[in-house]
Amino acid sequence: MTAVAVVTVVLAVLVVLILAIYLVAVIRVLGQTSARMNTVIDSLGALTEKTRPIGPAVGSINGNLSKASKLFSGLLERKLGPQEAAELVSDVDPLVAAQRTPPELKSDRPSPRPAAARVTKPKPRRPPISAATPDWGWDDPER
């Protein structure tokens, strides 16, 4: 083998060796990334489990609250009368207040009239800088 062939073979082996080292480094980095992603996915699974829908619990609480509200409203109606009890409950309970139609707002004062339009003179404008510059004729070639 000639010297050129030996150098070529050595360089080819060197390039293949460098590429192999590079590929091994990439494989290690991808393995570490995969391990980190698995940790994140496991954490997300635990988070999803802890934040699952709570619909049945909320429905149970709402049922208990509606029973207590009806009991309280009945007690108020017996003690205060239906009209005063309804007013008191609507002042406290936003859902009942939203269902009630508000009374008309009436006032003894007349409605305010719109203010008269004011006409003002426009402020005088300053002339542009070129108008304030004296004309000495330096840029006029005929002078």
Protein backbone atom coordinates (compact mmCIF):
# COMPACT_ATOMS: atom_id res chain seq x y z
CA MET A 1 0.00 0.00 0.00
CA THR A 2 1.15 3.40 -0.78
CA ALA A 3 1.47 6.15 1.75
CA VAL A 4 -1.55 7.98 0.32
CA ALA A 5 -3.74 4.91 0.72
CA VAL A 6 -2.59 4.42 4.31
CA VAL A 7 -3.32 8.07 5.16
CA THR A 8 -6.73 7.80 3.50
CA VAL A 9 -7.62 4.65 5.45
CA VAL A 10 -6.39 6.20 8.72
CA LEU A 11 -8.41 9.39 8.09
CA ALA A 12 -11.51 7.34 7.21
CA VAL A 13 -11.15 5.30 10.43
CA LEU A 14 -10.63 8.54 12.38
CA VAL A 15 -13.76 10.13 10.88
CA VAL A 16 -15.80 7.00 11.65
CA LEU A 17 -14.44 6.98 15.22
CA ILE A 18 -15.29 10.66 15.74
CA LEU A 19 -18.80 10.09 14.37
CA ALA A 20 -19.25 7.08 16.67
CA ILE A 21 -18.19 9.11 19.71
CA TYR A 22 -20.57 11.91 18.70
CA LEU A 23 -23.45 9.48 18.23
CA VAL A 24 -22.79 7.87 21.63
CA ALA A 25 -22.86 11.34 23.23
CA VAL A 26 -26.18 12.10 21.51
CA ILE A 27 -27.61 8.77 22.70
CA ARG A 28 -26.61 9.56 26.31
CA VAL A 29 -28.21 13.02 26.16
CA LEU A 30 -31.41 11.58 24.68
CA GLY A 31 -31.49 8.95 27.44
CA GLN A 32 -31.21 11.65 30.12
CA THR A 33 -33.93 13.68 28.41
CA SER A 34 -36.19 10.65 28.25
CA ALA A 35 -35.69 9.99 31.98
CA ARG A 36 -36.58 13.60 32.81
CA MET A 37 -39.66 13.46 30.58
CA ASN A 38 -40.81 10.27 32.34
CA THR A 39 -40.47 12.06 35.69
CA VAL A 40 -42.57 14.97 34.39
CA ILE A 41 -45.21 12.64 32.96
CA ASP A 42 -45.46 10.77 36.27
CA SER A 43 -45.87 14.07 38.12
CA LEU A 44 -48.59 15.16 35.71
CA GLY A 45 -50.39 11.88 36.26
CA ALA A 46 -50.39 12.45 40.02
CA LEU A 47 -51.57 16.03 39.52
CA THR A 48 -54.39 14.87 37.24
CA GLU A 49 -55.47 12.33 39.83
CA LYS A 50 -55.54 14.96 42.58
CA THR A 51 -57.57 17.41 40.49
CA ARG A 52 -60.15 14.99 39.12
CA PRO A 53 -63.68 16.38 38.78
CA ILE A 54 -65.42 17.05 42.07
CA GLY A 55 -68.95 17.20 40.66
CA PRO A 56 -70.55 14.63 43.01
CA ALA A 57 -69.18 16.40 46.10
CA VAL A 58 -70.38 19.79 44.90
CA GLY A 59 -73.84 18.37 44.12
CA SER A 60 -74.08 16.95 47.63
CA ILE A 61 -73.08 20.27 49.19
CA ASN A 62 -75.60 22.18 47.05
CA GLY A 63 -78.37 19.76 48.07
CA ASN A 64 -77.60 20.27 51.76
CA LEU A 65 -77.48 24.03 51.33
CA SER A 66 -80.81 24.16 49.50
CA LYS A 67 -82.44 22.17 52.32
CA ALA A 68 -81.04 24.57 54.90
CA SER A 69 -82.15 27.57 52.83
CA LYS A 70 -85.72 26.26 52.55
CA LEU A 71 -85.81 25.56 56.30
CA PHE A 72 -84.51 29.06 57.09
CA SER A 73 -86.97 30.69 54.66
CA GLY A 74 -89.90 28.81 56.22
CA LEU A 75 -88.84 29.89 59.70
CA LEU A 76 -88.55 33.50 58.60
CA GLU A 77 -91.99 33.42 56.95
CA ARG A 78 -93.55 32.19 60.18
CA LYS A 79 -91.81 34.82 62.32
CA LEU A 80 -91.86 37.88 60.03
CA GLY A 81 -94.53 37.22 57.44
CA PRO A 82 -94.12 36.36 53.76
CA GLN A 83 -93.36 39.87 52.44
CA GLU A 84 -90.75 40.83 55.03
CA ALA A 85 -89.15 37.38 54.89
CA ALA A 86 -88.85 37.59 51.10
CA GLU A 87 -87.22 41.01 51.35
CA LEU A 88 -84.78 39.84 54.03
CA VAL A 89 -83.81 36.70 52.09
CA SER A 90 -83.37 38.64 48.84
CA ASP A 91 -81.07 41.09 50.63
CA VAL A 92 -78.86 38.23 51.85
CA ASP A 93 -79.09 35.64 49.06
CA PRO A 94 -77.73 36.84 45.68
CA LEU A 95 -79.62 34.13 43.74
CA VAL A 96 -82.98 35.23 45.15
CA ALA A 97 -82.08 38.88 44.60
CA ALA A 98 -81.30 38.14 40.95
CA GLN A 99 -84.72 36.53 40.44
CA ARG A 100 -86.55 39.47 42.02
CA THR A 101 -87.43 42.36 39.73
CA PRO A 102 -86.17 45.67 41.09
CA PRO A 103 -88.71 48.40 41.86
CA GLU A 104 -88.81 51.43 39.60
CA LEU A 105 -86.58 54.22 40.69
CA LYS A 106 -88.60 57.39 41.11
CA SER A 107 -87.28 60.73 42.16
CA ASP A 108 -88.93 64.04 43.00
CA ARG A 109 -86.11 65.91 41.35
CA PRO A 110 -86.37 66.74 37.65
CA SER A 111 -83.99 65.03 35.30
CA PRO A 112 -80.81 67.03 34.67
CA ARG A 113 -80.62 68.95 31.42
CA PRO A 114 -77.56 68.63 29.24
CA ALA A 115 -75.08 71.45 29.67
CA ALA A 116 -75.13 74.11 26.98
CA ALA A 117 -72.40 73.75 24.40
CA ARG A 118 -69.61 76.20 24.96
CA VAL A 119 -68.19 77.96 21.96
CA THR A 120 -64.60 79.08 22.36
CA LYS A 121 -62.21 80.76 20.03
CA PRO A 122 -59.43 78.55 18.75
CA LYS A 123 -56.02 79.36 20.16
CA PRO A 124 -53.75 81.18 17.73
CA ARG A 125 -51.06 79.00 16.25
CA ARG A 126 -47.43 79.95 16.07
CA PRO A 127 -46.00 80.24 12.58
CA PRO A 128 -43.59 77.58 11.44
CA ILE A 129 -39.86 78.15 11.95
CA SER A 130 -39.27 79.02 8.32
CA ALA A 131 -41.77 81.87 8.53
CA ALA A 132 -39.97 83.32 11.57
CA THR A 133 -36.57 83.18 9.85
CA PRO A 134 -35.66 86.45 8.15
CA ASP A 135 -35.12 86.33 4.43
CA TRP A 136 -31.56 87.49 3.87
CA GLY A 137 -31.48 86.28 0.30
CA TRP A 138 -28.52 83.94 0.69
CA ASP A 139 -30.25 81.10 -1.15
CA ASP A 140 -31.50 83.27 -4.02
CA PRO A 141 -28.92 83.21 -6.86
CA GLU A 142 -30.29 86.38 -8.54
CA ARG A 143 -29.50 88.68 -5.62
